[in-house]
Amino acid sequence: MAPLHAVAEIRYATAPVDGTTIVDARSQADCLQGSLPGARCLPSSSLVGGDGQLIGAKALLWRLGTLGLSGAEQVLVVGEDATDRDMVGAVLYLAGMPKVSVLLRPVSRLVAEAPGQVPGAVRSAVFSAPMRDKQLVFARDVREALRAEEAAPVVVDGRPEQAYWAGHLPGGQPLPLDTLRRSLGQAVPAVLPPREPIIAYGAGPRDGLALFTLLAATGSDVRVYAGGWRDWTRSGRH
């Protein structure tokens, strides 16, 4: 099974078995109010800096270490907002976790079945998994990839189509996040890009990383430009 994939359903009573560590992507307040047994709270907002971009590698590894994650765990990411949940899944995968699953069912429904559970205690650890940083690309990497004469990647834009038509990366193709998410129930999602490799991006890290999760869950050869359209336009590249 791929190291990053989606899970349609789990039974509440069996959620914490088989050594899986549960990570709750909801807000800190919602997570602390009640989550699955032993869950660690990792709000998607804590992974984005004041500039709206993904936090740096050192800050990320420190943040994961404060949750008691060493990088050797298999994790199940749960949440309420699908994009927040999928973003956290992508970050954990890129950080080097050996297996990352995302639960497609809203976690509040599971919590309601057995309320009163509190998240696991926060504790420090040294996060030492090797990052999958080759799957995280920057503007210069995108430009170089697009200039390649052979095996040029397909660039896909996860924003709504209205935003795409207002401006997009050179050669970018629209693949709205919600459209791809709805197609995942099909045996072979009909909306997948026609070829690989793929570079995924969105407005910024939140939707771009979520798009990366959904594409990676299909087994696609995909990298992510987490800075997205905001970073591209900020640097005057449009």
Foldseek 3Di string as FASTA:
>chain_A
DFQFAEDADDALVCVCPPQAAEEEQDDPVVQQQWFRAQYFYDHLVLQADPVRAGDDLVSLQQVCQQQVAQLAGAYEYAYADLLSRLLVQLSSVQNARRHYYYHPDHRVVSCVVPPDHGHRDGHGDRHDGDGNCVLEDEPVVLVVLCPDPPQRFAEEEQDPVVVVVVDADVNYDYDHLVLLVVQVVDPQRPRDDPDDDYEFAYQAQRNQSSSVSSCVNNVHNHGYHRGHPVVCVVVPND
